[in-house]
Each structure stands twice: as C-alpha cells, then as structure tokens.
Amino acid sequence: MFTKSVTVQNQVGLHARPATFFIQKANEFKSSIWLEKEERRVNAKSLLGVLSLGIMGGTDIKIIASGVDEEQAVDALVALVESGFAE
C-alpha cells in the first residue's frame, strides 16, 4: 500500500469536471485506489464516491493505492491535483 497527502489547489475543489479528470486518470492504473478526506474513504474510480466527499479548494486529502502500480498511480494523481486541473 502506498499513500500520499496533497492539498487541493484549485478554488472550487473536485466538482464535476475536475473529478472526472481525476477518475479518468485513476482508471489508467490496475491498482485499487482510494481517496480519503478526514475519516471518509471512497473508491477513487467512482464519480459518485469522489463527489460525495465534497472536496473544496484548500482541502487536504489522502490518495491511497494498493496493487502492482500503486506508486505510479499515487504520484500521477498527486501531480494532477497539484496542477489545479488546469483551471
């Protein structure tokens, strides 16, 4: 299992469009990937799960992966979040 914390950079957080980019990137990997905010953990490959966390800009989240490409998956998703989803 591989985990990293990151702060959401874009002002509006993970609303529909950035959440879709996040999920598309997560689905490029074979590993199981979760997104955690405070004590809630959801499947990072599920749009409803990601949106249900209500992640706003400035929120700290954890990206957790387990599988053959876990480190690459977490690093790619952290980079996407840090980029602000090009907004």
C-alpha atoms as a PDB file:
ATOM      1  CA  MET A   1       0.000   0.000   0.000  1.00  0.00           C
ATOM      2  CA  PHE A   2       1.274   3.477  -0.932  1.00  0.00           C
ATOM      3  CA  THR A   3      -0.146   6.747   0.432  1.00  0.00           C
ATOM      4  CA  LYS A   4       0.449  10.462  -0.097  1.00  0.00           C
ATOM      5  CA  SER A   5      -1.313  13.562   1.197  1.00  0.00           C
ATOM      6  CA  VAL A   6      -1.954  16.561  -1.023  1.00  0.00           C
ATOM      7  CA  THR A   7      -3.792  19.879  -0.749  1.00  0.00           C
ATOM      8  CA  VAL A   8      -6.371  20.591  -3.450  1.00  0.00           C
ATOM      9  CA  GLN A   9      -5.084  23.654  -5.327  1.00  0.00           C
ATOM     10  CA  ASN A  10      -7.980  24.794  -7.493  1.00  0.00           C
ATOM     11  CA  GLN A  11     -10.503  27.134  -5.873  1.00  0.00           C
ATOM     12  CA  VAL A  12     -13.661  25.119  -6.494  1.00  0.00           C
ATOM     13  CA  GLY A  13     -12.180  21.766  -5.485  1.00  0.00           C
ATOM     14  CA  LEU A  14     -13.223  18.461  -7.013  1.00  0.00           C
ATOM     15  CA  HIS A  15     -16.522  19.425  -8.608  1.00  0.00           C
ATOM     16  CA  ALA A  16     -17.811  17.509 -11.649  1.00  0.00           C
ATOM     17  CA  ARG A  17     -15.179  18.409 -14.266  1.00  0.00           C
ATOM     18  CA  PRO A  18     -12.012  18.019 -12.151  1.00  0.00           C
ATOM     19  CA  ALA A  19     -13.487  14.919 -10.500  1.00  0.00           C
ATOM     20  CA  THR A  20     -13.984  13.417 -13.961  1.00  0.00           C
ATOM     21  CA  PHE A  21     -10.333  14.111 -14.858  1.00  0.00           C
ATOM     22  CA  PHE A  22      -9.269  12.568 -11.542  1.00  0.00           C
ATOM     23  CA  ILE A  23     -11.328   9.416 -12.132  1.00  0.00           C
ATOM     24  CA  GLN A  24     -10.123   9.046 -15.730  1.00  0.00           C
ATOM     25  CA  LYS A  25      -6.514   9.215 -14.503  1.00  0.00           C
ATOM     26  CA  ALA A  26      -7.249   6.733 -11.676  1.00  0.00           C
ATOM     27  CA  ASN A  27      -8.753   4.293 -14.164  1.00  0.00           C
ATOM     28  CA  GLU A  28      -5.479   4.211 -16.122  1.00  0.00           C
ATOM     29  CA  PHE A  29      -3.999   2.088 -13.327  1.00  0.00           C
ATOM     30  CA  LYS A  30      -4.611  -1.509 -12.270  1.00  0.00           C
ATOM     31  CA  SER A  31      -4.232  -0.795  -8.544  1.00  0.00           C
ATOM     32  CA  SER A  32      -7.140  -0.265  -6.196  1.00  0.00           C
ATOM     33  CA  ILE A  33      -7.200   3.454  -5.420  1.00  0.00           C
ATOM     34  CA  TRP A  34      -8.979   5.288  -2.624  1.00  0.00           C
ATOM     35  CA  LEU A  35      -9.463   8.939  -1.850  1.00  0.00           C
ATOM     36  CA  GLU A  36      -9.692   9.952   1.804  1.00  0.00           C
ATOM     37  CA  LYS A  37     -10.903  13.197   3.362  1.00  0.00           C
ATOM     38  CA  GLU A  38     -10.862  13.335   7.159  1.00  0.00           C
ATOM     39  CA  GLU A  39     -12.265   9.935   8.191  1.00  0.00           C
ATOM     40  CA  ARG A  40     -14.186   9.144   4.973  1.00  0.00           C
ATOM     41  CA  ARG A  41     -12.652   6.919   2.326  1.00  0.00           C
ATOM     42  CA  VAL A  42     -14.147   6.311  -1.131  1.00  0.00           C
ATOM     43  CA  ASN A  43     -13.194   4.476  -4.299  1.00  0.00           C
ATOM     44  CA  ALA A  44     -11.189   6.975  -6.391  1.00  0.00           C
ATOM     45  CA  LYS A  45     -12.546   5.352  -9.565  1.00  0.00           C
ATOM     46  CA  SER A  46     -16.164   6.215  -8.644  1.00  0.00           C
ATOM     47  CA  LEU A  47     -17.583   9.602  -9.671  1.00  0.00           C
ATOM     48  CA  LEU A  48     -20.341   9.457  -7.053  1.00  0.00           C
ATOM     49  CA  GLY A  49     -17.842   8.452  -4.380  1.00  0.00           C
ATOM     50  CA  VAL A  50     -15.448  11.301  -5.182  1.00  0.00           C
ATOM     51  CA  LEU A  51     -18.236  13.887  -5.433  1.00  0.00           C
ATOM     52  CA  SER A  52     -19.761  12.663  -2.145  1.00  0.00           C
ATOM     53  CA  LEU A  53     -16.671  13.847  -0.260  1.00  0.00           C
ATOM     54  CA  GLY A  54     -17.477  17.481  -1.149  1.00  0.00           C
ATOM     55  CA  ILE A  55     -13.806  18.386  -1.580  1.00  0.00           C
ATOM     56  CA  MET A  56     -13.267  22.149  -1.778  1.00  0.00           C
ATOM     57  CA  GLY A  57     -10.143  24.137  -2.651  1.00  0.00           C
ATOM     58  CA  GLY A  58      -7.581  24.152   0.151  1.00  0.00           C
ATOM     59  CA  THR A  59      -8.738  20.780   1.495  1.00  0.00           C
ATOM     60  CA  ASP A  60      -6.125  18.194   2.462  1.00  0.00           C
ATOM     61  CA  ILE A  61      -6.809  14.747   1.023  1.00  0.00           C
ATOM     62  CA  LYS A  62      -5.007  11.411   1.013  1.00  0.00           C
ATOM     63  CA  ILE A  63      -4.581   9.276  -2.076  1.00  0.00           C
ATOM     64  CA  ILE A  64      -4.084   5.613  -1.254  1.00  0.00           C
ATOM     65  CA  ALA A  65      -3.303   2.814  -3.708  1.00  0.00           C
ATOM     66  CA  SER A  66      -2.665  -0.869  -3.420  1.00  0.00           C
ATOM     67  CA  GLY A  67      -1.507  -3.027  -6.317  1.00  0.00           C
ATOM     68  CA  VAL A  68       1.160  -3.587  -8.940  1.00  0.00           C
ATOM     69  CA  ASP A  69       1.406   0.075  -9.994  1.00  0.00           C
ATOM     70  CA  GLU A  70       0.475   1.740  -6.683  1.00  0.00           C
ATOM     71  CA  GLU A  71       3.370   4.211  -6.532  1.00  0.00           C
ATOM     72  CA  GLN A  72       2.913   5.367 -10.120  1.00  0.00           C
ATOM     73  CA  ALA A  73      -0.846   5.756  -9.565  1.00  0.00           C
ATOM     74  CA  VAL A  74      -0.467   7.857  -6.424  1.00  0.00           C
ATOM     75  CA  ASP A  75       2.287  10.004  -7.934  1.00  0.00           C
ATOM     76  CA  ALA A  76       0.248  10.671 -11.098  1.00  0.00           C
ATOM     77  CA  LEU A  77      -2.878  11.594  -9.125  1.00  0.00           C
ATOM     78  CA  VAL A  78      -0.937  13.840  -6.724  1.00  0.00           C
ATOM     79  CA  ALA A  79       0.598  15.627  -9.740  1.00  0.00           C
ATOM     80  CA  LEU A  80      -2.878  16.093 -11.242  1.00  0.00           C
ATOM     81  CA  VAL A  81      -4.255  17.576  -8.015  1.00  0.00           C
ATOM     82  CA  GLU A  82      -1.202  19.838  -7.598  1.00  0.00           C
ATOM     83  CA  SER A  83      -1.634  21.105 -11.183  1.00  0.00           C
ATOM     84  CA  GLY A  84      -5.032  22.548 -10.226  1.00  0.00           C
ATOM     85  CA  PHE A  85      -6.670  20.570 -13.056  1.00  0.00           C
ATOM     86  CA  ALA A  86      -5.558  23.334 -15.466  1.00  0.00           C
ATOM     87  CA  GLU A  87      -8.199  25.715 -14.137  1.00  0.00           C
END
